């Protein structure tokens, strides 16, 4: 899938998690802003193993750094697209987040930010399942998983099905969820404005 589809899928996942969470802690505006950023970063992060990905385009020296890091990761759709990679990415992000927040003087709920990031990472793998390339969930074993299981029925990233069915479908789903749950969304916004 393309970067914009991964970002939208991650946002849809974040909306679903927010709407169906039984209890949400009080969220500061700074937590929400950082959580959105973490969610979008998580959505692109598994493509750290591809030098031409949107992830690297977001950093000043990204393409140069990618040429150094990518070979160490074994190429596209290896460890960063596996269950082991999800765990490793989660642990490393948690450590980095806790270290960064030691020096930040604003109120940020690290648990919310970490969860938003991980929703992005997991949504990336889920959205890559219907692609022809599949996903090596059980890396280091080179078995590629896909939905549906028959490769001939899967889609090609960035082509018509993604552009005209998947992306608009995610957009409509997200809009629908926000619309039918607008009271809860407005309640959160009011709470944030009081706190932030």
Protein backbone atom coordinates (compact mmCIF):
# COMPACT_ATOMS: atom_id res chain seq x y z
CA UNK A 1 0.00 0.00 0.00
CA UNK A 2 1.04 3.58 -0.46
CA UNK A 3 2.03 5.85 2.41
CA UNK A 4 -1.23 7.82 2.32
CA UNK A 5 -3.28 4.60 2.55
CA UNK A 6 -1.16 3.42 5.48
CA UNK A 7 -1.62 6.80 7.20
CA UNK A 8 -5.39 6.74 6.70
CA UNK A 9 -5.66 3.13 7.89
CA UNK A 10 -3.67 4.01 11.01
CA UNK A 11 -5.93 6.99 11.69
CA UNK A 12 -9.01 4.78 11.19
CA UNK A 13 -7.52 2.30 13.68
CA UNK A 14 -6.89 5.12 16.14
CA UNK A 15 -10.48 6.36 15.76
CA UNK A 16 -11.82 2.83 16.36
CA UNK A 17 -9.61 2.38 19.45
CA UNK A 18 -10.71 5.76 20.82
CA UNK A 19 -14.40 5.18 20.17
CA UNK A 20 -14.51 1.70 21.63
CA UNK A 21 -12.11 2.10 24.55
CA UNK A 22 -14.12 1.44 27.71
CA UNK A 23 -12.40 4.19 29.69
CA UNK A 24 -10.12 6.94 28.43
CA UNK A 25 -7.87 8.88 30.77
CA UNK A 26 -8.05 12.65 30.68
CA UNK A 27 -6.07 13.67 27.63
CA UNK A 28 -4.12 16.88 27.36
CA UNK A 29 -4.00 18.61 24.00
CA UNK A 30 -0.25 17.95 23.87
CA UNK A 31 -0.84 14.21 24.35
CA UNK A 32 -3.39 14.15 21.53
CA UNK A 33 -1.11 16.05 19.14
CA UNK A 34 1.90 13.83 19.90
CA UNK A 35 -0.31 10.71 19.68
CA UNK A 36 -1.49 11.72 16.18
CA UNK A 37 2.11 12.23 15.11
CA UNK A 38 3.14 8.90 16.63
CA UNK A 39 0.23 7.18 14.88
CA UNK A 40 1.29 8.49 11.48
CA UNK A 41 4.94 7.65 12.20
CA UNK A 42 3.91 4.12 13.22
CA UNK A 43 1.90 3.75 10.01
CA UNK A 44 5.02 4.34 7.92
CA UNK A 45 7.64 2.82 10.24
CA UNK A 46 7.57 -0.79 8.95
CA UNK A 47 8.73 0.58 5.59
CA UNK A 48 11.99 1.65 7.24
CA UNK A 49 13.45 -1.27 5.25
CA UNK A 50 12.67 0.39 1.89
CA UNK A 51 14.95 3.28 0.87
CA UNK A 52 12.28 4.90 -1.33
CA UNK A 53 9.49 4.83 1.26
CA UNK A 54 7.54 7.87 2.44
CA UNK A 55 9.06 7.30 5.88
CA UNK A 56 12.53 8.38 4.72
CA UNK A 57 11.19 11.29 2.69
CA UNK A 58 10.06 12.96 5.92
CA UNK A 59 13.63 13.44 7.19
CA UNK A 60 16.26 15.82 5.88
CA UNK A 61 18.94 13.16 5.40
CA UNK A 62 16.45 10.30 5.16
CA UNK A 63 17.38 8.88 1.75
CA UNK A 64 21.09 8.91 2.69
CA UNK A 65 20.49 7.25 6.07
CA UNK A 66 18.20 4.71 4.40
CA UNK A 67 21.04 3.55 2.15
CA UNK A 68 23.00 2.65 5.29
CA UNK A 69 20.19 1.09 7.34
CA UNK A 70 18.22 -0.81 4.68
CA UNK A 71 20.93 -3.38 3.85
CA UNK A 72 21.22 -4.24 7.55
CA UNK A 73 17.48 -4.98 7.65
CA UNK A 74 17.64 -7.47 4.78
CA UNK A 75 15.59 -5.50 2.27
CA UNK A 76 11.92 -4.69 1.98
CA UNK A 77 9.34 -6.76 3.87
CA UNK A 78 11.58 -8.70 6.17
CA UNK A 79 11.88 -8.22 9.94
CA UNK A 80 10.01 -4.90 10.08
CA UNK A 81 6.95 -6.58 8.53
CA UNK A 82 6.92 -9.52 10.97
CA UNK A 83 5.46 -10.25 14.39
CA UNK A 84 9.00 -10.30 15.81
CA UNK A 85 9.53 -6.90 14.20
CA UNK A 86 6.35 -5.53 15.79
CA UNK A 87 7.63 -6.58 19.23
CA UNK A 88 11.11 -5.18 18.58
CA UNK A 89 9.74 -1.91 17.18
CA UNK A 90 7.38 -1.61 20.17
CA UNK A 91 10.15 -2.15 22.72
CA UNK A 92 12.54 0.27 21.00
CA UNK A 93 9.87 2.94 20.61
CA UNK A 94 8.89 2.58 24.28
CA UNK A 95 12.52 3.02 25.36
CA UNK A 96 13.03 6.01 23.06
CA UNK A 97 9.75 7.59 24.12
CA UNK A 98 10.50 7.23 27.83
CA UNK A 99 13.96 8.70 27.30
CA UNK A 100 12.60 11.63 25.27
CA UNK A 101 9.84 12.39 27.78
CA UNK A 102 12.36 12.67 30.62
CA UNK A 103 13.41 15.99 29.09
CA UNK A 104 10.01 17.29 27.98
CA UNK A 105 8.37 19.75 30.34
CA UNK A 106 4.81 19.39 29.04
CA UNK A 107 2.23 16.86 30.17
CA UNK A 108 2.24 13.91 27.76
CA UNK A 109 0.71 10.52 28.55
CA UNK A 110 3.34 8.11 27.20
CA UNK A 111 0.96 5.14 27.30
CA UNK A 112 -1.47 6.86 24.92
CA UNK A 113 1.36 7.91 22.59
CA UNK A 114 2.86 4.39 22.58
CA UNK A 115 -0.53 2.81 21.87
CA UNK A 116 -1.16 5.26 19.01
CA UNK A 117 2.23 4.41 17.51
CA UNK A 118 1.63 0.66 17.80
CA UNK A 119 -1.84 0.97 16.22
CA UNK A 120 -0.04 2.55 13.27
CA UNK A 121 2.55 -0.24 13.09
CA UNK A 122 -0.01 -3.06 13.31
CA UNK A 123 -2.34 -1.38 10.83
CA UNK A 124 0.57 -1.23 8.37
CA UNK A 125 0.98 -5.01 8.48
CA UNK A 126 -2.78 -5.58 8.23
CA UNK A 127 -3.00 -3.29 5.20
CA UNK A 128 -0.10 -5.08 3.49
CA UNK A 129 -1.81 -8.48 3.85
CA UNK A 130 -4.09 -8.02 0.80
CA UNK A 131 -1.16 -7.07 -1.46
CA UNK A 132 0.42 -9.47 -3.93
CA UNK A 133 3.74 -9.33 -2.04
CA UNK A 134 2.21 -10.60 1.22
CA UNK A 135 3.79 -10.21 4.65
CA UNK A 136 6.45 -12.44 6.31
CA UNK A 137 4.66 -12.55 9.67
CA UNK A 138 6.78 -15.46 10.94
CA UNK A 139 10.14 -14.04 9.90
CA UNK A 140 12.91 -15.39 9.86
CA UNK A 141 10.90 -18.04 8.01
CA UNK A 142 10.34 -16.77 4.49
CA UNK A 143 6.63 -17.63 4.39
CA UNK A 144 4.59 -14.74 3.04
CA UNK A 145 1.05 -14.47 4.35
CA UNK A 146 -1.71 -12.71 2.49
CA UNK A 147 -5.46 -12.25 2.47
CA UNK A 148 -7.01 -13.83 0.55
CA UNK A 149 -4.57 -16.74 0.60
CA UNK A 150 -4.53 -16.93 -3.21
CA UNK A 151 -2.02 -14.45 -4.59
CA UNK A 152 -3.98 -14.03 -7.84
CA UNK A 153 -6.86 -12.47 -5.88
CA UNK A 154 -4.71 -9.92 -4.05
CA UNK A 155 -4.09 -6.32 -5.10
CA UNK A 156 -1.03 -4.48 -6.36
CA UNK A 157 0.13 -1.57 -4.20
CA UNK A 158 -0.60 1.87 -5.61
CA UNK A 159 -2.83 0.66 -8.45
CA UNK A 160 -6.52 1.18 -9.24
CA UNK A 161 -8.04 -1.04 -6.53
CA UNK A 162 -6.11 0.78 -3.83
CA UNK A 163 -6.78 4.23 -5.32
CA UNK A 164 -10.47 3.80 -6.11
CA UNK A 165 -11.73 1.23 -3.59
CA UNK A 166 -9.42 0.80 -0.57
CA UNK A 167 -8.54 4.46 0.09
CA UNK A 168 -12.06 5.85 -0.49
CA UNK A 169 -13.48 2.96 1.56
CA UNK A 170 -11.21 3.80 4.50
CA UNK A 171 -12.11 7.47 4.14
CA UNK A 172 -15.84 6.70 4.21
CA UNK A 173 -15.45 4.30 7.16
CA UNK A 174 -13.52 6.87 9.18
CA UNK A 175 -15.96 9.65 8.32
CA UNK A 176 -18.93 7.44 9.17
CA UNK A 177 -17.45 6.44 12.54
CA UNK A 178 -16.71 10.05 13.44
CA UNK A 179 -20.18 11.17 12.33
CA UNK A 180 -22.20 8.54 14.21
CA UNK A 181 -20.06 9.06 17.32
CA UNK A 182 -19.88 12.84 17.14
CA UNK A 183 -21.09 13.28 20.74
CA UNK A 184 -18.12 11.30 22.06
CA UNK A 185 -15.71 13.17 19.77
CA UNK A 186 -17.10 16.55 20.86
CA UNK A 187 -16.90 15.46 24.50
CA UNK A 188 -13.20 14.69 24.05
CA UNK A 189 -12.56 18.01 22.31
CA UNK A 190 -14.30 19.94 25.11
CA UNK A 191 -12.27 18.05 27.72
CA UNK A 192 -9.02 18.81 25.90
CA UNK A 193 -9.82 22.50 25.61
CA UNK A 194 -10.43 22.68 29.37
CA UNK A 195 -7.18 20.86 30.21
CA UNK A 196 -4.88 22.17 27.44
